[in-house]
């Protein structure tokens, strides 16, 4: 995903609920029984034919995720 961000073809990024978390203490297995770990969310990437700088990429407010780079601001109700 980082390579896609730096390609400047990414217009927006968001997170949605996925299959649920699978921590290292309780990994899941794929079809070939390889273990995997996940925070349980999926990335949604929206692309554009126009170049978009890093500071102009829109963060979609679908699912906040505090353990990565998509941290949503906490609303305080103050202007």
PDB file of N, CA and C in Angstrom:
ATOM      1  N   UNK A   1       0.824  -1.173   0.000  1.00  0.00           N
ATOM      2  CA  UNK A   1       0.000   0.000   0.000  1.00  0.00           C
ATOM      3  C   UNK A   1       0.883   1.256   0.000  1.00  0.00           C
ATOM      4  N   UNK A   2       1.987   1.201   0.685  1.00  0.00           N
ATOM      5  CA  UNK A   2       2.871   2.369   0.730  1.00  0.00           C
ATOM      6  C   UNK A   2       3.368   2.732  -0.662  1.00  0.00           C
ATOM      7  N   UNK A   3       3.728   1.732  -1.464  1.00  0.00           N
ATOM      8  CA  UNK A   3       4.167   2.005  -2.835  1.00  0.00           C
ATOM      9  C   UNK A   3       3.075   2.699  -3.633  1.00  0.00           C
ATOM     10  N   UNK A   4       1.834   2.305  -3.434  1.00  0.00           N
ATOM     11  CA  UNK A   4       0.718   2.922  -4.142  1.00  0.00           C
ATOM     12  C   UNK A   4       0.528   4.373  -3.705  1.00  0.00           C
ATOM     13  N   UNK A   5       0.726   4.642  -2.431  1.00  0.00           N
ATOM     14  CA  UNK A   5       0.622   6.014  -1.936  1.00  0.00           C
ATOM     15  C   UNK A   5       1.691   6.885  -2.601  1.00  0.00           C
ATOM     16  N   UNK A   6       2.919   6.389  -2.666  1.00  0.00           N
ATOM     17  CA  UNK A   6       4.012   7.171  -3.248  1.00  0.00           C
ATOM     18  C   UNK A   6       3.945   7.248  -4.767  1.00  0.00           C
ATOM     19  N   UNK A   7       3.130   6.442  -5.420  1.00  0.00           N
ATOM     20  CA  UNK A   7       2.982   6.508  -6.877  1.00  0.00           C
ATOM     21  C   UNK A   7       2.227   7.757  -7.314  1.00  0.00           C
ATOM     22  N   UNK A   8       1.549   8.413  -6.406  1.00  0.00           N
ATOM     23  CA  UNK A   8       0.739   9.608  -6.615  1.00  0.00           C
ATOM     24  C   UNK A   8      -0.513   9.338  -7.447  1.00  0.00           C
ATOM     25  N   UNK A   9      -0.886   8.082  -7.609  1.00  0.00           N
ATOM     26  CA  UNK A   9      -2.107   7.745  -8.316  1.00  0.00           C
ATOM     27  C   UNK A   9      -3.276   7.491  -7.379  1.00  0.00           C
ATOM     28  N   UNK A  10      -3.013   7.569  -6.086  1.00  0.00           N
ATOM     29  CA  UNK A  10      -4.033   7.290  -5.080  1.00  0.00           C
ATOM     30  C   UNK A  10      -4.765   8.573  -4.709  1.00  0.00           C
ATOM     31  N   UNK A  11      -6.077   8.570  -4.799  1.00  0.00           N
ATOM     32  CA  UNK A  11      -6.886   9.763  -4.493  1.00  0.00           C
ATOM     33  C   UNK A  11      -7.424   9.732  -3.063  1.00  0.00           C
ATOM     34  N   UNK A  12      -7.815   8.532  -2.593  1.00  0.00           N
ATOM     35  CA  UNK A  12      -8.395   8.415  -1.252  1.00  0.00           C
ATOM     36  C   UNK A  12      -8.111   7.029  -0.705  1.00  0.00           C
ATOM     37  N   UNK A  13      -8.110   6.942   0.622  1.00  0.00           N
ATOM     38  CA  UNK A  13      -7.882   5.661   1.282  1.00  0.00           C
ATOM     39  C   UNK A  13      -8.795   5.581   2.509  1.00  0.00           C
ATOM     40  N   UNK A  14      -9.298   4.401   2.763  1.00  0.00           N
ATOM     41  CA  UNK A  14     -10.149   4.200   3.925  1.00  0.00           C
ATOM     42  C   UNK A  14     -10.026   2.775   4.433  1.00  0.00           C
ATOM     43  N   UNK A  15     -10.599   2.523   5.558  1.00  0.00           N
ATOM     44  CA  UNK A  15     -10.597   1.189   6.153  1.00  0.00           C
ATOM     45  C   UNK A  15     -12.019   0.755   6.420  1.00  0.00           C
ATOM     46  N   UNK A  16     -12.288  -0.542   6.231  1.00  0.00           N
ATOM     47  CA  UNK A  16     -13.589  -1.116   6.555  1.00  0.00           C
ATOM     48  C   UNK A  16     -13.351  -2.383   7.371  1.00  0.00           C
ATOM     49  N   UNK A  17     -14.354  -2.776   8.133  1.00  0.00           N
ATOM     50  CA  UNK A  17     -14.235  -4.015   8.896  1.00  0.00           C
ATOM     51  C   UNK A  17     -14.031  -5.184   7.956  1.00  0.00           C
ATOM     52  N   UNK A  18     -13.176  -6.093   8.369  1.00  0.00           N
ATOM     53  CA  UNK A  18     -12.888  -7.277   7.577  1.00  0.00           C
ATOM     54  C   UNK A  18     -13.324  -8.529   8.309  1.00  0.00           C
ATOM     55  N   UNK A  19     -12.430  -9.482   8.374  1.00  0.00           N
ATOM     56  CA  UNK A  19     -12.742 -10.791   8.950  1.00  0.00           C
ATOM     57  C   UNK A  19     -12.593 -10.832  10.465  1.00  0.00           C
ATOM     58  N   UNK A  20     -12.177  -9.730  11.054  1.00  0.00           N
ATOM     59  CA  UNK A  20     -11.928  -9.716  12.492  1.00  0.00           C
ATOM     60  C   UNK A  20     -10.455  -9.943  12.775  1.00  0.00           C
ATOM     61  N   UNK A  21     -10.034  -9.534  13.928  1.00  0.00           N
ATOM     62  CA  UNK A  21      -8.624  -9.623  14.296  1.00  0.00           C
ATOM     63  C   UNK A  21      -8.171 -11.058  14.501  1.00  0.00           C
ATOM     64  N   UNK A  22      -6.912 -11.306  14.163  1.00  0.00           N
ATOM     65  CA  UNK A  22      -6.257 -12.583  14.429  1.00  0.00           C
ATOM     66  C   UNK A  22      -4.876 -12.249  14.980  1.00  0.00           C
ATOM     67  N   UNK A  23      -4.739 -12.154  16.306  1.00  0.00           N
ATOM     68  CA  UNK A  23      -3.453 -11.775  16.902  1.00  0.00           C
ATOM     69  C   UNK A  23      -2.435 -12.907  16.810  1.00  0.00           C
ATOM     70  N   UNK A  24      -1.180 -12.585  17.086  1.00  0.00           N
ATOM     71  CA  UNK A  24      -0.120 -13.607  17.051  1.00  0.00           C
ATOM     72  C   UNK A  24      -0.404 -14.749  18.010  1.00  0.00           C
ATOM     73  N   UNK A  25      -1.123 -14.460  19.078  1.00  0.00           N
ATOM     74  CA  UNK A  25      -1.442 -15.509  20.052  1.00  0.00           C
ATOM     75  C   UNK A  25      -2.525 -16.468  19.542  1.00  0.00           C
ATOM     76  N   UNK A  26      -3.255 -16.079  18.511  1.00  0.00           N
ATOM     77  CA  UNK A  26      -4.322 -16.923  17.946  1.00  0.00           C
ATOM     78  C   UNK A  26      -4.396 -16.728  16.431  1.00  0.00           C
ATOM     79  N   UNK A  27      -3.331 -17.142  15.701  1.00  0.00           N
ATOM     80  CA  UNK A  27      -3.327 -16.915  14.256  1.00  0.00           C
ATOM     81  C   UNK A  27      -4.377 -17.761  13.536  1.00  0.00           C
ATOM     82  N   UNK A  28      -4.754 -17.295  12.355  1.00  0.00           N
ATOM     83  CA  UNK A  28      -5.621 -18.076  11.471  1.00  0.00           C
ATOM     84  C   UNK A  28      -4.745 -18.745  10.435  1.00  0.00           C
ATOM     85  N   UNK A  29      -5.348 -19.613   9.630  1.00  0.00           N
ATOM     86  CA  UNK A  29      -4.605 -20.282   8.560  1.00  0.00           C
ATOM     87  C   UNK A  29      -5.279 -20.030   7.233  1.00  0.00           C
ATOM     88  N   UNK A  30      -4.456 -19.905   6.173  1.00  0.00           N
ATOM     89  CA  UNK A  30      -5.013 -19.772   4.840  1.00  0.00           C
ATOM     90  C   UNK A  30      -5.300 -21.169   4.277  1.00  0.00           C
ATOM     91  N   UNK A  31      -5.648 -21.255   3.004  1.00  0.00           N
ATOM     92  CA  UNK A  31      -6.027 -22.546   2.422  1.00  0.00           C
ATOM     93  C   UNK A  31      -4.896 -23.571   2.405  1.00  0.00           C
ATOM     94  N   UNK A  32      -3.656 -23.102   2.418  1.00  0.00           N
ATOM     95  CA  UNK A  32      -2.526 -24.025   2.440  1.00  0.00           C
ATOM     96  C   UNK A  32      -1.956 -24.187   3.848  1.00  0.00           C
ATOM     97  N   UNK A  33      -2.732 -23.830   4.835  1.00  0.00           N
ATOM     98  CA  UNK A  33      -2.443 -23.946   6.273  1.00  0.00           C
ATOM     99  C   UNK A  33      -1.287 -23.059   6.755  1.00  0.00           C
ATOM    100  N   UNK A  34      -0.922 -22.043   5.988  1.00  0.00           N
ATOM    101  CA  UNK A  34       0.069 -21.081   6.451  1.00  0.00           C
ATOM    102  C   UNK A  34      -0.600 -20.143   7.447  1.00  0.00           C
ATOM    103  N   UNK A  35       0.036 -19.871   8.577  1.00  0.00           N
ATOM    104  CA  UNK A  35      -0.574 -18.967   9.558  1.00  0.00           C
ATOM    105  C   UNK A  35      -0.509 -17.519   9.080  1.00  0.00           C
ATOM    106  N   UNK A  36      -1.490 -16.741   9.477  1.00  0.00           N
ATOM    107  CA  UNK A  36      -1.450 -15.312   9.212  1.00  0.00           C
ATOM    108  C   UNK A  36      -2.048 -14.561  10.391  1.00  0.00           C
ATOM    109  N   UNK A  37      -1.639 -13.297  10.505  1.00  0.00           N
ATOM    110  CA  UNK A  37      -2.090 -12.415  11.569  1.00  0.00           C
ATOM    111  C   UNK A  37      -2.716 -11.193  10.905  1.00  0.00           C
ATOM    112  N   UNK A  38      -3.731 -10.648  11.498  1.00  0.00           N
ATOM    113  CA  UNK A  38      -4.381  -9.479  10.930  1.00  0.00           C
ATOM    114  C   UNK A  38      -5.015  -8.632  12.025  1.00  0.00           C
ATOM    115  N   UNK A  39      -5.093  -7.339  11.755  1.00  0.00           N
ATOM    116  CA  UNK A  39      -5.797  -6.431  12.661  1.00  0.00           C
ATOM    117  C   UNK A  39      -7.299  -6.503  12.413  1.00  0.00           C
ATOM    118  N   UNK A  40      -7.697  -7.151  11.336  1.00  0.00           N
ATOM    119  CA  UNK A  40      -9.113  -7.368  11.075  1.00  0.00           C
ATOM    120  C   UNK A  40      -9.796  -6.321  10.225  1.00  0.00           C
ATOM    121  N   UNK A  41      -9.033  -5.402   9.637  1.00  0.00           N
ATOM    122  CA  UNK A  41      -9.630  -4.400   8.761  1.00  0.00           C
ATOM    123  C   UNK A  41      -9.077  -4.551   7.348  1.00  0.00           C
ATOM    124  N   UNK A  42      -9.841  -4.035   6.375  1.00  0.00           N
ATOM    125  CA  UNK A  42      -9.418  -4.071   4.973  1.00  0.00           C
ATOM    126  C   UNK A  42      -9.187  -2.652   4.486  1.00  0.00           C
ATOM    127  N   UNK A  43      -8.191  -2.490   3.657  1.00  0.00           N
ATOM    128  CA  UNK A  43      -7.915  -1.189   3.051  1.00  0.00           C
ATOM    129  C   UNK A  43      -8.756  -1.030   1.795  1.00  0.00           C
ATOM    130  N   UNK A  44      -9.302   0.162   1.617  1.00  0.00           N
ATOM    131  CA  UNK A  44     -10.020   0.510   0.395  1.00  0.00           C
ATOM    132  C   UNK A  44      -9.244   1.655  -0.241  1.00  0.00           C
ATOM    133  N   UNK A  45      -8.802   1.454  -1.475  1.00  0.00           N
ATOM    134  CA  UNK A  45      -7.993   2.441  -2.166  1.00  0.00           C
ATOM    135  C   UNK A  45      -8.752   2.944  -3.387  1.00  0.00           C
ATOM    136  N   UNK A  46      -8.848   4.262  -3.521  1.00  0.00           N
ATOM    137  CA  UNK A  46      -9.498   4.876  -4.676  1.00  0.00           C
ATOM    138  C   UNK A  46      -8.433   5.569  -5.510  1.00  0.00           C
ATOM    139  N   UNK A  47      -8.380   5.224  -6.796  1.00  0.00           N
ATOM    140  CA  UNK A  47      -7.349   5.743  -7.683  1.00  0.00           C
ATOM    141  C   UNK A  47      -7.908   6.810  -8.615  1.00  0.00           C
ATOM    142  N   UNK A  48      -7.001   7.633  -9.153  1.00  0.00           N
ATOM    143  CA  UNK A  48      -7.371   8.690 -10.074  1.00  0.00           C
ATOM    144  C   UNK A  48      -6.293   8.759 -11.148  1.00  0.00           C
ATOM    145  N   UNK A  49      -6.662   9.199 -12.338  1.00  0.00           N
ATOM    146  CA  UNK A  49      -5.678   9.350 -13.413  1.00  0.00           C
ATOM    147  C   UNK A  49      -4.842  10.620 -13.219  1.00  0.00           C
ATOM    148  N   UNK A  50      -5.327  11.531 -12.399  1.00  0.00           N
ATOM    149  CA  UNK A  50      -4.572  12.744 -12.062  1.00  0.00           C
ATOM    150  C   UNK A  50      -3.622  12.440 -10.904  1.00  0.00           C
ATOM    151  N   UNK A  51      -2.446  13.066 -10.903  1.00  0.00           N
ATOM    152  CA  UNK A  51      -1.498  12.877  -9.809  1.00  0.00           C
ATOM    153  C   UNK A  51      -2.006  13.563  -8.551  1.00  0.00           C
ATOM    154  N   UNK A  52      -1.820  12.896  -7.424  1.00  0.00           N
ATOM    155  CA  UNK A  52      -2.252  13.430  -6.131  1.00  0.00           C
ATOM    156  C   UNK A  52      -1.056  13.400  -5.181  1.00  0.00           C
ATOM    157  N   UNK A  53      -0.704  14.542  -4.614  1.00  0.00           N
ATOM    158  CA  UNK A  53       0.422  14.574  -3.684  1.00  0.00           C
ATOM    159  C   UNK A  53       0.027  13.894  -2.376  1.00  0.00           C
ATOM    160  N   UNK A  54       1.010  13.551  -1.589  1.00  0.00           N
ATOM    161  CA  UNK A  54       0.766  12.870  -0.317  1.00  0.00           C
ATOM    162  C   UNK A  54      -0.151  13.667   0.599  1.00  0.00           C
ATOM    163  N   UNK A  55       0.001  14.968   0.606  1.00  0.00           N
ATOM    164  CA  UNK A  55      -0.805  15.795   1.500  1.00  0.00           C
ATOM    165  C   UNK A  55      -2.238  15.978   1.016  1.00  0.00           C
ATOM    166  N   UNK A  56      -2.524  15.618  -0.223  1.00  0.00           N
ATOM    167  CA  UNK A  56      -3.870  15.782  -0.777  1.00  0.00           C
ATOM    168  C   UNK A  56      -4.688  14.494  -0.777  1.00  0.00           C
ATOM    169  N   UNK A  57      -4.103  13.380  -0.346  1.00  0.00           N
ATOM    170  CA  UNK A  57      -4.843  12.121  -0.310  1.00  0.00           C
ATOM    171  C   UNK A  57      -5.920  12.222   0.759  1.00  0.00           C
ATOM    172  N   UNK A  58      -7.140  11.940   0.370  1.00  0.00           N
ATOM    173  CA  UNK A  58      -8.263  12.017   1.312  1.00  0.00           C
ATOM    174  C   UNK A  58      -8.299  10.763   2.180  1.00  0.00           C
ATOM    175  N   UNK A  59      -8.455  10.938   3.474  1.00  0.00           N
ATOM    176  CA  UNK A  59      -8.634   9.824   4.406  1.00  0.00           C
ATOM    177  C   UNK A  59     -10.136   9.677   4.631  1.00  0.00           C
ATOM    178  N   UNK A  60     -10.702   8.591   4.152  1.00  0.00           N
ATOM    179  CA  UNK A  60     -12.139   8.372   4.278  1.00  0.00           C
ATOM    180  C   UNK A  60     -12.473   7.976   5.721  1.00  0.00           C
ATOM    181  N   UNK A  61     -13.475   8.582   6.321  1.00  0.00           N
ATOM    182  CA  UNK A  61     -13.764   8.386   7.752  1.00  0.00           C
ATOM    183  C   UNK A  61     -14.648   7.177   8.049  1.00  0.00           C
ATOM    184  N   UNK A  62     -14.429   6.080   7.366  1.00  0.00           N
ATOM    185  CA  UNK A  62     -15.298   4.919   7.530  1.00  0.00           C
ATOM    186  C   UNK A  62     -15.040   4.169   8.820  1.00  0.00           C
ATOM    187  N   UNK A  63     -13.808   3.735   9.018  1.00  0.00           N
ATOM    188  CA  UNK A  63     -13.470   2.886  10.165  1.00  0.00           C
ATOM    189  C   UNK A  63     -12.169   3.395  10.765  1.00  0.00           C
ATOM    190  N   UNK A  64     -12.196   3.983  11.959  1.00  0.00           N
ATOM    191  CA  UNK A  64     -10.943   4.435  12.571  1.00  0.00           C
ATOM    192  C   UNK A  64     -10.048   3.250  12.915  1.00  0.00           C
ATOM    193  N   UNK A  65      -8.771   3.470  12.809  1.00  0.00           N
ATOM    194  CA  UNK A  65      -7.803   2.406  13.081  1.00  0.00           C
ATOM    195  C   UNK A  65      -6.613   3.020  13.777  1.00  0.00           C
ATOM    196  N   UNK A  66      -6.452   2.752  15.043  1.00  0.00           N
ATOM    197  CA  UNK A  66      -5.432   3.411  15.856  1.00  0.00           C
ATOM    198  C   UNK A  66      -4.059   2.757  15.795  1.00  0.00           C
ATOM    199  N   UNK A  67      -3.917   1.573  15.210  1.00  0.00           N
ATOM    200  CA  UNK A  67      -2.635   0.876  15.255  1.00  0.00           C
ATOM    201  C   UNK A  67      -1.796   1.101  14.002  1.00  0.00           C
ATOM    202  N   UNK A  68      -2.208   1.966  13.111  1.00  0.00           N
ATOM    203  CA  UNK A  68      -1.460   2.185  11.887  1.00  0.00           C
ATOM    204  C   UNK A  68      -1.394   3.660  11.544  1.00  0.00           C
ATOM    205  N   UNK A  69      -1.145   3.921  10.292  1.00  0.00           N
ATOM    206  CA  UNK A  69      -0.979   5.306   9.892  1.00  0.00           C
ATOM    207  C   UNK A  69      -2.291   6.022   9.619  1.00  0.00           C
ATOM    208  N   UNK A  70      -3.423   5.334   9.615  1.00  0.00           N
ATOM    209  CA  UNK A  70      -4.708   5.958   9.353  1.00  0.00           C
ATOM    210  C   UNK A  70      -5.414   6.296  10.654  1.00  0.00           C
ATOM    211  N   UNK A  71      -4.855   7.186  11.395  1.00  0.00           N
ATOM    212  CA  UNK A  71      -5.459   7.583  12.665  1.00  0.00           C
ATOM    213  C   UNK A  71      -6.472   8.690  12.410  1.00  0.00           C
ATOM    214  N   UNK A  72      -7.652   8.507  12.901  1.00  0.00           N
ATOM    215  CA  UNK A  72      -8.694   9.514  12.748  1.00  0.00           C
ATOM    216  C   UNK A  72      -8.613  10.495  13.908  1.00  0.00           C
ATOM    217  N   UNK A  73      -8.821  11.771  13.636  1.00  0.00           N
ATOM    218  CA  UNK A  73      -8.830  12.735  14.745  1.00  0.00           C
ATOM    219  C   UNK A  73     -10.001  12.485  15.675  1.00  0.00           C
ATOM    220  N   UNK A  74      -9.778  12.711  16.939  1.00  0.00           N
ATOM    221  CA  UNK A  74     -10.837  12.549  17.935  1.00  0.00           C
ATOM    222  C   UNK A  74     -11.653  13.838  17.953  1.00  0.00           C
ATOM    223  N   UNK A  75     -12.963  13.703  17.804  1.00  0.00           N
ATOM    224  CA  UNK A  75     -13.812  14.889  17.817  1.00  0.00           C
ATOM    225  C   UNK A  75     -14.092  15.289  19.264  1.00  0.00           C
ATOM    226  N   UNK A  76     -13.828  16.553  19.561  1.00  0.00           N
ATOM    227  CA  UNK A  76     -14.014  17.038  20.917  1.00  0.00           C
ATOM    228  C   UNK A  76     -15.289  17.853  21.053  1.00  0.00           C
ATOM    229  N   UNK A  77     -15.921  18.203  19.941  1.00  0.00           N
ATOM    230  CA  UNK A  77     -17.117  19.020  19.981  1.00  0.00           C
ATOM    231  C   UNK A  77     -16.807  20.503  20.046  1.00  0.00           C
ATOM    232  N   UNK A  78     -15.503  20.842  20.100  1.00  0.00           N
ATOM    233  CA  UNK A  78     -15.095  22.235  20.136  1.00  0.00           C
ATOM    234  C   UNK A  78     -14.887  22.717  18.713  1.00  0.00           C
ATOM    235  N   UNK A  79     -15.132  23.997  18.437  1.00  0.00           N
ATOM    236  CA  UNK A  79     -14.938  24.539  17.076  1.00  0.00           C
ATOM    237  C   UNK A  79     -13.469  24.604  16.704  1.00  0.00           C
TER     238      UNK A  79
END
